[in-house]
Amino acid sequence: QRELVARINNGGLTNYADSVKGRFTISG
């Protein structure tokens, strides 16, 4: 299934899937 990797809101708040924490970085 399609799964969330990471997301960021307008305020810069981010969240990540546990499997990518520490390896992936989202920015906007």
mmCIF file of all heavy atoms, coordinates in Angstrom:
data_MODEL
# 
_entry.id   MODEL 
# 
loop_
_atom_site.group_PDB 
_atom_site.id 
_atom_site.type_symbol 
_atom_site.label_atom_id 
_atom_site.label_alt_id 
_atom_site.label_comp_id 
_atom_site.label_asym_id 
_atom_site.label_entity_id 
_atom_site.label_seq_id 
_atom_site.pdbx_PDB_ins_code 
_atom_site.Cartn_x 
_atom_site.Cartn_y 
_atom_site.Cartn_z 
_atom_site.occupancy 
_atom_site.B_iso_or_equiv 
_atom_site.pdbx_formal_charge 
_atom_site.auth_seq_id 
_atom_site.auth_comp_id 
_atom_site.auth_asym_id 
_atom_site.auth_atom_id 
_atom_site.pdbx_PDB_model_num 
ATOM 1   N N   . GLN A 1 1  ? 0.825  -1.195 0.000  1.00 0.00 ? 1  GLN A N   1 
ATOM 2   C CA  . GLN A 1 1  ? 0.000  0.000  0.000  1.00 0.00 ? 1  GLN A CA  1 
ATOM 3   C C   . GLN A 1 1  ? 0.865  1.252  0.000  1.00 0.00 ? 1  GLN A C   1 
ATOM 4   O O   . GLN A 1 1  ? 2.013  1.241  0.444  1.00 0.00 ? 1  GLN A O   1 
ATOM 5   C CB  . GLN A 1 1  ? -0.906 -0.008 1.237  1.00 0.00 ? 1  GLN A CB  1 
ATOM 6   C CG  . GLN A 1 1  ? -2.004 -1.056 1.202  1.00 0.00 ? 1  GLN A CG  1 
ATOM 7   C CD  . GLN A 1 1  ? -2.987 -0.899 2.342  1.00 0.00 ? 1  GLN A CD  1 
ATOM 8   O OE1 . GLN A 1 1  ? -2.622 -0.402 3.410  1.00 0.00 ? 1  GLN A OE1 1 
ATOM 9   N NE2 . GLN A 1 1  ? -4.223 -1.319 2.133  1.00 0.00 ? 1  GLN A NE2 1 
ATOM 10  N N   . ARG A 1 2  ? 0.285  2.319  -0.494 1.00 0.00 ? 2  ARG A N   1 
ATOM 11  C CA  . ARG A 1 2  ? 0.973  3.599  -0.437 1.00 0.00 ? 2  ARG A CA  1 
ATOM 12  C C   . ARG A 1 2  ? 1.089  4.024  1.030  1.00 0.00 ? 2  ARG A C   1 
ATOM 13  O O   . ARG A 1 2  ? 0.132  3.913  1.802  1.00 0.00 ? 2  ARG A O   1 
ATOM 14  C CB  . ARG A 1 2  ? 0.202  4.649  -1.243 1.00 0.00 ? 2  ARG A CB  1 
ATOM 15  C CG  . ARG A 1 2  ? 0.946  5.939  -1.455 1.00 0.00 ? 2  ARG A CG  1 
ATOM 16  C CD  . ARG A 1 2  ? 0.200  6.859  -2.411 1.00 0.00 ? 2  ARG A CD  1 
ATOM 17  N NE  . ARG A 1 2  ? 0.060  6.267  -3.744 1.00 0.00 ? 2  ARG A NE  1 
ATOM 18  C CZ  . ARG A 1 2  ? -0.397 6.938  -4.800 1.00 0.00 ? 2  ARG A CZ  1 
ATOM 19  N NH1 . ARG A 1 2  ? -0.763 8.204  -4.673 1.00 0.00 ? 2  ARG A NH1 1 
ATOM 20  N NH2 . ARG A 1 2  ? -0.517 6.331  -5.966 1.00 0.00 ? 2  ARG A NH2 1 
ATOM 21  N N   . GLU A 1 3  ? 2.259  4.534  1.394  1.00 0.00 ? 3  GLU A N   1 
ATOM 22  C CA  . GLU A 1 3  ? 2.502  4.924  2.776  1.00 0.00 ? 3  GLU A CA  1 
ATOM 23  C C   . GLU A 1 3  ? 3.136  6.307  2.850  1.00 0.00 ? 3  GLU A C   1 
ATOM 24  O O   . GLU A 1 3  ? 3.865  6.724  1.949  1.00 0.00 ? 3  GLU A O   1 
ATOM 25  C CB  . GLU A 1 3  ? 3.418  3.907  3.472  1.00 0.00 ? 3  GLU A CB  1 
ATOM 26  C CG  . GLU A 1 3  ? 4.808  3.805  2.872  1.00 0.00 ? 3  GLU A CG  1 
ATOM 27  C CD  . GLU A 1 3  ? 5.735  2.865  3.629  1.00 0.00 ? 3  GLU A CD  1 
ATOM 28  O OE1 . GLU A 1 3  ? 5.313  2.250  4.624  1.00 0.00 ? 3  GLU A OE1 1 
ATOM 29  O OE2 . GLU A 1 3  ? 6.908  2.755  3.224  1.00 0.00 ? 3  GLU A OE2 1 
ATOM 30  N N   . LEU A 1 4  ? 2.868  6.978  3.956  1.00 0.00 ? 4  LEU A N   1 
ATOM 31  C CA  . LEU A 1 4  ? 3.468  8.274  4.208  1.00 0.00 ? 4  LEU A CA  1 
ATOM 32  C C   . LEU A 1 4  ? 4.968  8.109  4.465  1.00 0.00 ? 4  LEU A C   1 
ATOM 33  O O   . LEU A 1 4  ? 5.385  7.244  5.217  1.00 0.00 ? 4  LEU A O   1 
ATOM 34  C CB  . LEU A 1 4  ? 2.826  8.932  5.423  1.00 0.00 ? 4  LEU A CB  1 
ATOM 35  C CG  . LEU A 1 4  ? 3.479  10.220 5.917  1.00 0.00 ? 4  LEU A CG  1 
ATOM 36  C CD1 . LEU A 1 4  ? 3.270  11.347 4.915  1.00 0.00 ? 4  LEU A CD1 1 
ATOM 37  C CD2 . LEU A 1 4  ? 2.943  10.593 7.289  1.00 0.00 ? 4  LEU A CD2 1 
ATOM 38  N N   . VAL A 1 5  ? 5.749  8.973  3.831  1.00 0.00 ? 5  VAL A N   1 
ATOM 39  C CA  . VAL A 1 5  ? 7.188  9.035  4.106  1.00 0.00 ? 5  VAL A CA  1 
ATOM 40  C C   . VAL A 1 5  ? 7.484  10.222 5.024  1.00 0.00 ? 5  VAL A C   1 
ATOM 41  O O   . VAL A 1 5  ? 8.082  10.071 6.081  1.00 0.00 ? 5  VAL A O   1 
ATOM 42  C CB  . VAL A 1 5  ? 7.992  9.166  2.800  1.00 0.00 ? 5  VAL A CB  1 
ATOM 43  C CG1 . VAL A 1 5  ? 9.481  9.304  3.104  1.00 0.00 ? 5  VAL A CG1 1 
ATOM 44  C CG2 . VAL A 1 5  ? 7.733  7.976  1.889  1.00 0.00 ? 5  VAL A CG2 1 
ATOM 45  N N   . ALA A 1 6  ? 7.039  11.399 4.606  1.00 0.00 ? 6  ALA A N   1 
ATOM 46  C CA  . ALA A 1 6  ? 7.276  12.605 5.395  1.00 0.00 ? 6  ALA A CA  1 
ATOM 47  C C   . ALA A 1 6  ? 6.342  13.698 4.898  1.00 0.00 ? 6  ALA A C   1 
ATOM 48  O O   . ALA A 1 6  ? 5.937  13.691 3.730  1.00 0.00 ? 6  ALA A O   1 
ATOM 49  C CB  . ALA A 1 6  ? 8.729  13.074 5.272  1.00 0.00 ? 6  ALA A CB  1 
ATOM 50  N N   . ARG A 1 7  ? 6.021  14.647 5.772  1.00 0.00 ? 7  ARG A N   1 
ATOM 51  C CA  . ARG A 1 7  ? 5.210  15.783 5.367  1.00 0.00 ? 7  ARG A CA  1 
ATOM 52  C C   . ARG A 1 7  ? 5.595  16.993 6.193  1.00 0.00 ? 7  ARG A C   1 
ATOM 53  O O   . ARG A 1 7  ? 6.175  16.877 7.275  1.00 0.00 ? 7  ARG A O   1 
ATOM 54  C CB  . ARG A 1 7  ? 3.722  15.497 5.488  1.00 0.00 ? 7  ARG A CB  1 
ATOM 55  C CG  . ARG A 1 7  ? 3.249  15.134 6.866  1.00 0.00 ? 7  ARG A CG  1 
ATOM 56  C CD  . ARG A 1 7  ? 1.808  14.637 6.815  1.00 0.00 ? 7  ARG A CD  1 
ATOM 57  N NE  . ARG A 1 7  ? 1.385  14.102 8.109  1.00 0.00 ? 7  ARG A NE  1 
ATOM 58  C CZ  . ARG A 1 7  ? 0.329  13.340 8.274  1.00 0.00 ? 7  ARG A CZ  1 
ATOM 59  N NH1 . ARG A 1 7  ? -0.437 13.020 7.238  1.00 0.00 ? 7  ARG A NH1 1 
ATOM 60  N NH2 . ARG A 1 7  ? 0.010  12.911 9.480  1.00 0.00 ? 7  ARG A NH2 1 
ATOM 61  N N   . ILE A 1 8  ? 5.241  18.166 5.637  1.00 0.00 ? 8  ILE A N   1 
ATOM 62  C CA  . ILE A 1 8  ? 5.579  19.431 6.276  1.00 0.00 ? 8  ILE A CA  1 
ATOM 63  C C   . ILE A 1 8  ? 4.412  20.380 6.084  1.00 0.00 ? 8  ILE A C   1 
ATOM 64  O O   . ILE A 1 8  ? 3.822  20.445 4.996  1.00 0.00 ? 8  ILE A O   1 
ATOM 65  C CB  . ILE A 1 8  ? 6.892  19.990 5.678  1.00 0.00 ? 8  ILE A CB  1 
ATOM 66  C CG1 . ILE A 1 8  ? 7.316  21.262 6.391  1.00 0.00 ? 8  ILE A CG1 1 
ATOM 67  C CG2 . ILE A 1 8  ? 6.787  20.204 4.162  1.00 0.00 ? 8  ILE A CG2 1 
ATOM 68  C CD1 . ILE A 1 8  ? 8.756  21.698 6.040  1.00 0.00 ? 8  ILE A CD1 1 
ATOM 69  N N   . ASN A 1 9  ? 4.074  21.120 7.150  1.00 0.00 ? 9  ASN A N   1 
ATOM 70  C CA  . ASN A 1 9  ? 2.978  22.067 6.992  1.00 0.00 ? 9  ASN A CA  1 
ATOM 71  C C   . ASN A 1 9  ? 3.523  23.487 6.811  1.00 0.00 ? 9  ASN A C   1 
ATOM 72  O O   . ASN A 1 9  ? 4.740  23.709 6.796  1.00 0.00 ? 9  ASN A O   1 
ATOM 73  C CB  . ASN A 1 9  ? 1.997  21.977 8.163  1.00 0.00 ? 9  ASN A CB  1 
ATOM 74  C CG  . ASN A 1 9  ? 2.562  22.479 9.483  1.00 0.00 ? 9  ASN A CG  1 
ATOM 75  O OD1 . ASN A 1 9  ? 3.638  23.082 9.539  1.00 0.00 ? 9  ASN A OD1 1 
ATOM 76  N ND2 . ASN A 1 9  ? 1.833  22.231 10.555 1.00 0.00 ? 9  ASN A ND2 1 
ATOM 77  N N   . ASN A 1 10 ? 2.624  24.433 6.661  1.00 0.00 ? 10 ASN A N   1 
ATOM 78  C CA  . ASN A 1 10 ? 3.036  25.802 6.367  1.00 0.00 ? 10 ASN A CA  1 
ATOM 79  C C   . ASN A 1 10 ? 3.873  26.410 7.489  1.00 0.00 ? 10 ASN A C   1 
ATOM 80  O O   . ASN A 1 10 ? 4.642  27.343 7.250  1.00 0.00 ? 10 ASN A O   1 
ATOM 81  C CB  . ASN A 1 10 ? 1.811  26.682 6.106  1.00 0.00 ? 10 ASN A CB  1 
ATOM 82  C CG  . ASN A 1 10 ? 1.186  26.399 4.766  1.00 0.00 ? 10 ASN A CG  1 
ATOM 83  O OD1 . ASN A 1 10 ? 1.758  25.680 3.943  1.00 0.00 ? 10 ASN A OD1 1 
ATOM 84  N ND2 . ASN A 1 10 ? 0.006  26.942 4.533  1.00 0.00 ? 10 ASN A ND2 1 
ATOM 85  N N   . GLY A 1 11 ? 3.697  25.883 8.696  1.00 0.00 ? 11 GLY A N   1 
ATOM 86  C CA  . GLY A 1 11 ? 4.470  26.384 9.820  1.00 0.00 ? 11 GLY A CA  1 
ATOM 87  C C   . GLY A 1 11 ? 5.813  25.719 9.970  1.00 0.00 ? 11 GLY A C   1 
ATOM 88  O O   . GLY A 1 11 ? 6.572  26.039 10.890 1.00 0.00 ? 11 GLY A O   1 
ATOM 89  N N   . GLY A 1 12 ? 6.124  24.784 9.080  1.00 0.00 ? 12 GLY A N   1 
ATOM 90  C CA  . GLY A 1 12 ? 7.405  24.093 9.134  1.00 0.00 ? 12 GLY A CA  1 
ATOM 91  C C   . GLY A 1 12 ? 7.401  22.844 9.996  1.00 0.00 ? 12 GLY A C   1 
ATOM 92  O O   . GLY A 1 12 ? 8.450  22.209 10.182 1.00 0.00 ? 12 GLY A O   1 
ATOM 93  N N   . LEU A 1 13 ? 6.241  22.499 10.533 1.00 0.00 ? 13 LEU A N   1 
ATOM 94  C CA  . LEU A 1 13 ? 6.155  21.291 11.367 1.00 0.00 ? 13 LEU A CA  1 
ATOM 95  C C   . LEU A 1 13 ? 6.243  20.062 10.466 1.00 0.00 ? 13 LEU A C   1 
ATOM 96  O O   . LEU A 1 13 ? 5.558  19.974 9.450  1.00 0.00 ? 13 LEU A O   1 
ATOM 97  C CB  . LEU A 1 13 ? 4.846  21.275 12.137 1.00 0.00 ? 13 LEU A CB  1 
ATOM 98  C CG  . LEU A 1 13 ? 4.634  20.119 13.104 1.00 0.00 ? 13 LEU A CG  1 
ATOM 99  C CD1 . LEU A 1 13 ? 5.642  20.199 14.249 1.00 0.00 ? 13 LEU A CD1 1 
ATOM 100 C CD2 . LEU A 1 13 ? 3.211  20.127 13.642 1.00 0.00 ? 13 LEU A CD2 1 
ATOM 101 N N   . THR A 1 14 ? 7.102  19.132 10.855 1.00 0.00 ? 14 THR A N   1 
ATOM 102 C CA  . THR A 1 14 ? 7.324  17.944 10.039 1.00 0.00 ? 14 THR A CA  1 
ATOM 103 C C   . THR A 1 14 ? 6.985  16.675 10.810 1.00 0.00 ? 14 THR A C   1 
ATOM 104 O O   . THR A 1 14 ? 7.018  16.653 12.038 1.00 0.00 ? 14 THR A O   1 
ATOM 105 C CB  . THR A 1 14 ? 8.794  17.854 9.593  1.00 0.00 ? 14 THR A CB  1 
ATOM 106 O OG1 . THR A 1 14 ? 9.634  17.788 10.757 1.00 0.00 ? 14 THR A OG1 1 
ATOM 107 C CG2 . THR A 1 14 ? 9.195  19.059 8.761  1.00 0.00 ? 14 THR A CG2 1 
ATOM 108 N N   . ASN A 1 15 ? 6.662  15.639 10.073 1.00 0.00 ? 15 ASN A N   1 
ATOM 109 C CA  . ASN A 1 15 ? 6.625  14.320 10.673 1.00 0.00 ? 15 ASN A CA  1 
ATOM 110 C C   . ASN A 1 15 ? 7.057  13.292 9.645  1.00 0.00 ? 15 ASN A C   1 
ATOM 111 O O   . ASN A 1 15 ? 6.943  13.518 8.427  1.00 0.00 ? 15 ASN A O   1 
ATOM 112 C CB  . ASN A 1 15 ? 5.270  13.977 11.301 1.00 0.00 ? 15 ASN A CB  1 
ATOM 113 C CG  . ASN A 1 15 ? 4.152  13.870 10.312 1.00 0.00 ? 15 ASN A CG  1 
ATOM 114 O OD1 . ASN A 1 15 ? 3.771  14.858 9.710  1.00 0.00 ? 15 ASN A OD1 1 
ATOM 115 N ND2 . ASN A 1 15 ? 3.614  12.677 10.174 1.00 0.00 ? 15 ASN A ND2 1 
ATOM 116 N N   . TYR A 1 16 ? 7.619  12.195 10.168 1.00 0.00 ? 16 TYR A N   1 
ATOM 117 C CA  . TYR A 1 16 ? 8.261  11.183 9.338  1.00 0.00 ? 16 TYR A CA  1 
ATOM 118 C C   . TYR A 1 16 ? 7.772  9.791  9.702  1.00 0.00 ? 16 TYR A C   1 
ATOM 119 O O   . TYR A 1 16 ? 7.417  9.512  10.853 1.00 0.00 ? 16 TYR A O   1 
ATOM 120 C CB  . TYR A 1 16 ? 9.782  11.210 9.555  1.00 0.00 ? 16 TYR A CB  1 
ATOM 121 C CG  . TYR A 1 16 ? 10.460 12.469 9.139  1.00 0.00 ? 16 TYR A CG  1 
ATOM 122 C CD1 . TYR A 1 16 ? 10.597 13.534 10.020 1.00 0.00 ? 16 TYR A CD1 1 
ATOM 123 C CD2 . TYR A 1 16 ? 10.997 12.597 7.855  1.00 0.00 ? 16 TYR A CD2 1 
ATOM 124 C CE1 . TYR A 1 16 ? 11.232 14.704 9.633  1.00 0.00 ? 16 TYR A CE1 1 
ATOM 125 C CE2 . TYR A 1 16 ? 11.643 13.754 7.467  1.00 0.00 ? 16 TYR A CE2 1 
ATOM 126 C CZ  . TYR A 1 16 ? 11.743 14.796 8.357  1.00 0.00 ? 16 TYR A CZ  1 
ATOM 127 O OH  . TYR A 1 16 ? 12.390 15.960 7.971  1.00 0.00 ? 16 TYR A OH  1 
ATOM 128 N N   . ALA A 1 17 ? 7.816  8.914  8.728  1.00 0.00 ? 17 ALA A N   1 
ATOM 129 C CA  . ALA A 1 17 ? 7.624  7.499  9.018  1.00 0.00 ? 17 ALA A CA  1 
ATOM 130 C C   . ALA A 1 17 ? 8.805  7.019  9.857  1.00 0.00 ? 17 ALA A C   1 
ATOM 131 O O   . ALA A 1 17 ? 9.937  7.471  9.668  1.00 0.00 ? 17 ALA A O   1 
ATOM 132 C CB  . ALA A 1 17 ? 7.548  6.701  7.725  1.00 0.00 ? 17 ALA A CB  1 
ATOM 133 N N   . ASP A 1 18 ? 8.547  6.106  10.767 1.00 0.00 ? 18 ASP A N   1 
ATOM 134 C CA  . ASP A 1 18 ? 9.614  5.597  11.624 1.00 0.00 ? 18 ASP A CA  1 
ATOM 135 C C   . ASP A 1 18 ? 10.759 5.008  10.803 1.00 0.00 ? 18 ASP A C   1 
ATOM 136 O O   . ASP A 1 18 ? 11.935 5.110  11.187 1.00 0.00 ? 18 ASP A O   1 
ATOM 137 C CB  . ASP A 1 18 ? 9.070  4.530  12.578 1.00 0.00 ? 18 ASP A CB  1 
ATOM 138 C CG  . ASP A 1 18 ? 8.210  5.117  13.677 1.00 0.00 ? 18 ASP A CG  1 
ATOM 139 O OD1 . ASP A 1 18 ? 8.281  6.343  13.909 1.00 0.00 ? 18 ASP A OD1 1 
ATOM 140 O OD2 . ASP A 1 18 ? 7.448  4.355  14.306 1.00 0.00 ? 18 ASP A OD2 1 
ATOM 141 N N   . SER A 1 19 ? 10.435 4.420  9.675  1.00 0.00 ? 19 SER A N   1 
ATOM 142 C CA  . SER A 1 19 ? 11.442 3.729  8.872  1.00 0.00 ? 19 SER A CA  1 
ATOM 143 C C   . SER A 1 19 ? 12.445 4.666  8.227  1.00 0.00 ? 19 SER A C   1 
ATOM 144 O O   . SER A 1 19 ? 13.504 4.217  7.758  1.00 0.00 ? 19 SER A O   1 
ATOM 145 C CB  . SER A 1 19 ? 10.762 2.886  7.784  1.00 0.00 ? 19 SER A CB  1 
ATOM 146 O OG  . SER A 1 19 ? 9.965  3.710  6.950  1.00 0.00 ? 19 SER A OG  1 
ATOM 147 N N   . VAL A 1 20 ? 12.138 5.965  8.177  1.00 0.00 ? 20 VAL A N   1 
ATOM 148 C CA  . VAL A 1 20 ? 13.049 6.904  7.514  1.00 0.00 ? 20 VAL A CA  1 
ATOM 149 C C   . VAL A 1 20 ? 13.623 7.949  8.464  1.00 0.00 ? 20 VAL A C   1 
ATOM 150 O O   . VAL A 1 20 ? 14.468 8.748  8.055  1.00 0.00 ? 20 VAL A O   1 
ATOM 151 C CB  . VAL A 1 20 ? 12.364 7.611  6.325  1.00 0.00 ? 20 VAL A CB  1 
ATOM 152 C CG1 . VAL A 1 20 ? 11.756 6.588  5.366  1.00 0.00 ? 20 VAL A CG1 1 
ATOM 153 C CG2 . VAL A 1 20 ? 11.315 8.619  6.790  1.00 0.00 ? 20 VAL A CG2 1 
ATOM 154 N N   . LYS A 1 21 ? 13.186 7.940  9.701  1.00 0.00 ? 21 LYS A N   1 
ATOM 155 C CA  . LYS A 1 21 ? 13.691 8.934  10.660 1.00 0.00 ? 21 LYS A CA  1 
ATOM 156 C C   . LYS A 1 21 ? 15.203 8.831  10.792 1.00 0.00 ? 21 LYS A C   1 
ATOM 157 O O   . LYS A 1 21 ? 15.757 7.733  10.906 1.00 0.00 ? 21 LYS A O   1 
ATOM 158 C CB  . LYS A 1 21 ? 13.036 8.721  12.030 1.00 0.00 ? 21 LYS A CB  1 
ATOM 159 C CG  . LYS A 1 21 ? 11.621 9.230  12.121 1.00 0.00 ? 21 LYS A CG  1 
ATOM 160 C CD  . LYS A 1 21 ? 11.025 8.987  13.502 1.00 0.00 ? 21 LYS A CD  1 
ATOM 161 C CE  . LYS A 1 21 ? 9.596  9.476  13.578 1.00 0.00 ? 21 LYS A CE  1 
ATOM 162 N NZ  . LYS A 1 21 ? 8.971  9.190  14.894 1.00 0.00 ? 21 LYS A NZ  1 
ATOM 163 N N   . GLY A 1 22 ? 15.853 9.982  10.770 1.00 0.00 ? 22 GLY A N   1 
ATOM 164 C CA  . GLY A 1 22 ? 17.302 10.028 10.875 1.00 0.00 ? 22 GLY A CA  1 
ATOM 165 C C   . GLY A 1 22 ? 18.019 9.863  9.550  1.00 0.00 ? 22 GLY A C   1 
ATOM 166 O O   . GLY A 1 22 ? 19.231 10.078 9.468  1.00 0.00 ? 22 GLY A O   1 
ATOM 167 N N   . ARG A 1 23 ? 17.300 9.466  8.513  1.00 0.00 ? 23 ARG A N   1 
ATOM 168 C CA  . ARG A 1 23 ? 17.901 9.279  7.191  1.00 0.00 ? 23 ARG A CA  1 
ATOM 169 C C   . ARG A 1 23 ? 17.346 10.255 6.155  1.00 0.00 ? 23 ARG A C   1 
ATOM 170 O O   . ARG A 1 23 ? 18.081 10.694 5.270  1.00 0.00 ? 23 ARG A O   1 
ATOM 171 C CB  . ARG A 1 23 ? 17.673 7.850  6.699  1.00 0.00 ? 23 ARG A CB  1 
ATOM 172 C CG  . ARG A 1 23 ? 18.256 6.787  7.597  1.00 0.00 ? 23 ARG A CG  1 
ATOM 173 C CD  . ARG A 1 23 ? 18.163 5.400  6.945  1.00 0.00 ? 23 ARG A CD  1 
ATOM 174 N NE  . ARG A 1 23 ? 16.781 4.985  6.699  1.00 0.00 ? 23 ARG A NE  1 
ATOM 175 C CZ  . ARG A 1 23 ? 16.309 4.666  5.495  1.00 0.00 ? 23 ARG A CZ  1 
ATOM 176 N NH1 . ARG A 1 23 ? 17.095 4.723  4.425  1.00 0.00 ? 23 ARG A NH1 1 
ATOM 177 N NH2 . ARG A 1 23 ? 15.046 4.278  5.357  1.00 0.00 ? 23 ARG A NH2 1 
ATOM 178 N N   . PHE A 1 24 ? 16.070 10.560 6.248  1.00 0.00 ? 24 PHE A N   1 
ATOM 179 C CA  . PHE A 1 24 ? 15.419 11.449 5.286  1.00 0.00 ? 24 PHE A CA  1 
ATOM 180 C C   . PHE A 1 24 ? 15.099 12.783 5.953  1.00 0.00 ? 24 PHE A C   1 
ATOM 181 O O   . PHE A 1 24 ? 14.773 12.840 7.138  1.00 0.00 ? 24 PHE A O   1 
ATOM 182 C CB  . PHE A 1 24 ? 14.108 10.846 4.791  1.00 0.00 ? 24 PHE A CB  1 
ATOM 183 C CG  . PHE A 1 24 ? 14.242 9.620  3.923  1.00 0.00 ? 24 PHE A CG  1 
ATOM 184 C CD1 . PHE A 1 24 ? 15.443 8.961  3.764  1.00 0.00 ? 24 PHE A CD1 1 
ATOM 185 C CD2 . PHE A 1 24 ? 13.132 9.130  3.239  1.00 0.00 ? 24 PHE A CD2 1 
ATOM 186 C CE1 . PHE A 1 24 ? 15.554 7.828  2.964  1.00 0.00 ? 24 PHE A CE1 1 
ATOM 187 C CE2 . PHE A 1 24 ? 13.223 8.006  2.436  1.00 0.00 ? 24 PHE A CE2 1 
ATOM 188 C CZ  . PHE A 1 24 ? 14.429 7.354  2.297  1.00 0.00 ? 24 PHE A CZ  1 
ATOM 189 N N   . THR A 1 25 ? 15.161 13.839 5.156  1.00 0.00 ? 25 THR A N   1 
ATOM 190 C CA  . THR A 1 25 ? 14.800 15.166 5.642  1.00 0.00 ? 25 THR A CA  1 
ATOM 191 C C   . THR A 1 25 ? 13.894 15.842 4.630  1.00 0.00 ? 25 THR A C   1 
ATOM 192 O O   . THR A 1 25 ? 14.255 15.951 3.451  1.00 0.00 ? 25 THR A O   1 
ATOM 193 C CB  . THR A 1 25 ? 16.046 16.031 5.872  1.00 0.00 ? 25 THR A CB  1 
ATOM 194 O OG1 . THR A 1 25 ? 16.922 15.384 6.799  1.00 0.00 ? 25 THR A OG1 1 
ATOM 195 C CG2 . THR A 1 25 ? 15.652 17.403 6.421  1.00 0.00 ? 25 THR A CG2 1 
ATOM 196 N N   . ILE A 1 26 ? 12.750 16.310 5.097  1.00 0.00 ? 26 ILE A N   1 
ATOM 197 C CA  . ILE A 1 26 ? 11.838 17.061 4.235  1.00 0.00 ? 26 ILE A CA  1 
ATOM 198 C C   . ILE A 1 26 ? 12.006 18.544 4.522  1.00 0.00 ? 26 ILE A C   1 
ATOM 199 O O   . ILE A 1 26 ? 12.195 18.950 5.680  1.00 0.00 ? 26 ILE A O   1 
ATOM 200 C CB  . ILE A 1 26 ? 10.370 16.614 4.421  1.00 0.00 ? 26 ILE A CB  1 
ATOM 201 C CG1 . ILE A 1 26 ? 9.480  17.232 3.352  1.00 0.00 ? 26 ILE A CG1 1 
ATOM 202 C CG2 . ILE A 1 26 ? 9.869  16.919 5.831  1.00 0.00 ? 26 ILE A CG2 1 
ATOM 203 C CD1 . ILE A 1 26 ? 8.081  16.638 3.303  1.00 0.00 ? 26 ILE A CD1 1 
ATOM 204 N N   . SER A 1 27 ? 11.968 19.337 3.470  1.00 0.00 ? 27 SER A N   1 
ATOM 205 C CA  . SER A 1 27 ? 12.045 20.783 3.634  1.00 0.00 ? 27 SER A CA  1 
ATOM 206 C C   . SER A 1 27 ? 11.178 21.431 2.572  1.00 0.00 ? 27 SER A C   1 
ATOM 207 O O   . SER A 1 27 ? 10.813 20.792 1.583  1.00 0.00 ? 27 SER A O   1 
ATOM 208 C CB  . SER A 1 27 ? 13.488 21.274 3.539  1.00 0.00 ? 27 SER A CB  1 
ATOM 209 O OG  . SER A 1 27 ? 14.036 20.957 2.278  1.00 0.00 ? 27 SER A OG  1 
ATOM 210 N N   . GLY A 1 28 ? 10.857 22.690 2.799  1.00 0.00 ? 28 GLY A N   1 
ATOM 211 C CA  . GLY A 1 28 ? 9.974  23.343 1.851  1.00 0.00 ? 28 GLY A CA  1 
ATOM 212 C C   . GLY A 1 28 ? 10.302 24.800 1.657  1.00 0.00 ? 28 GLY A C   1 
ATOM 213 O O   . GLY A 1 28 ? 10.914 25.434 2.529  1.00 0.00 ? 28 GLY A O   1 
# 
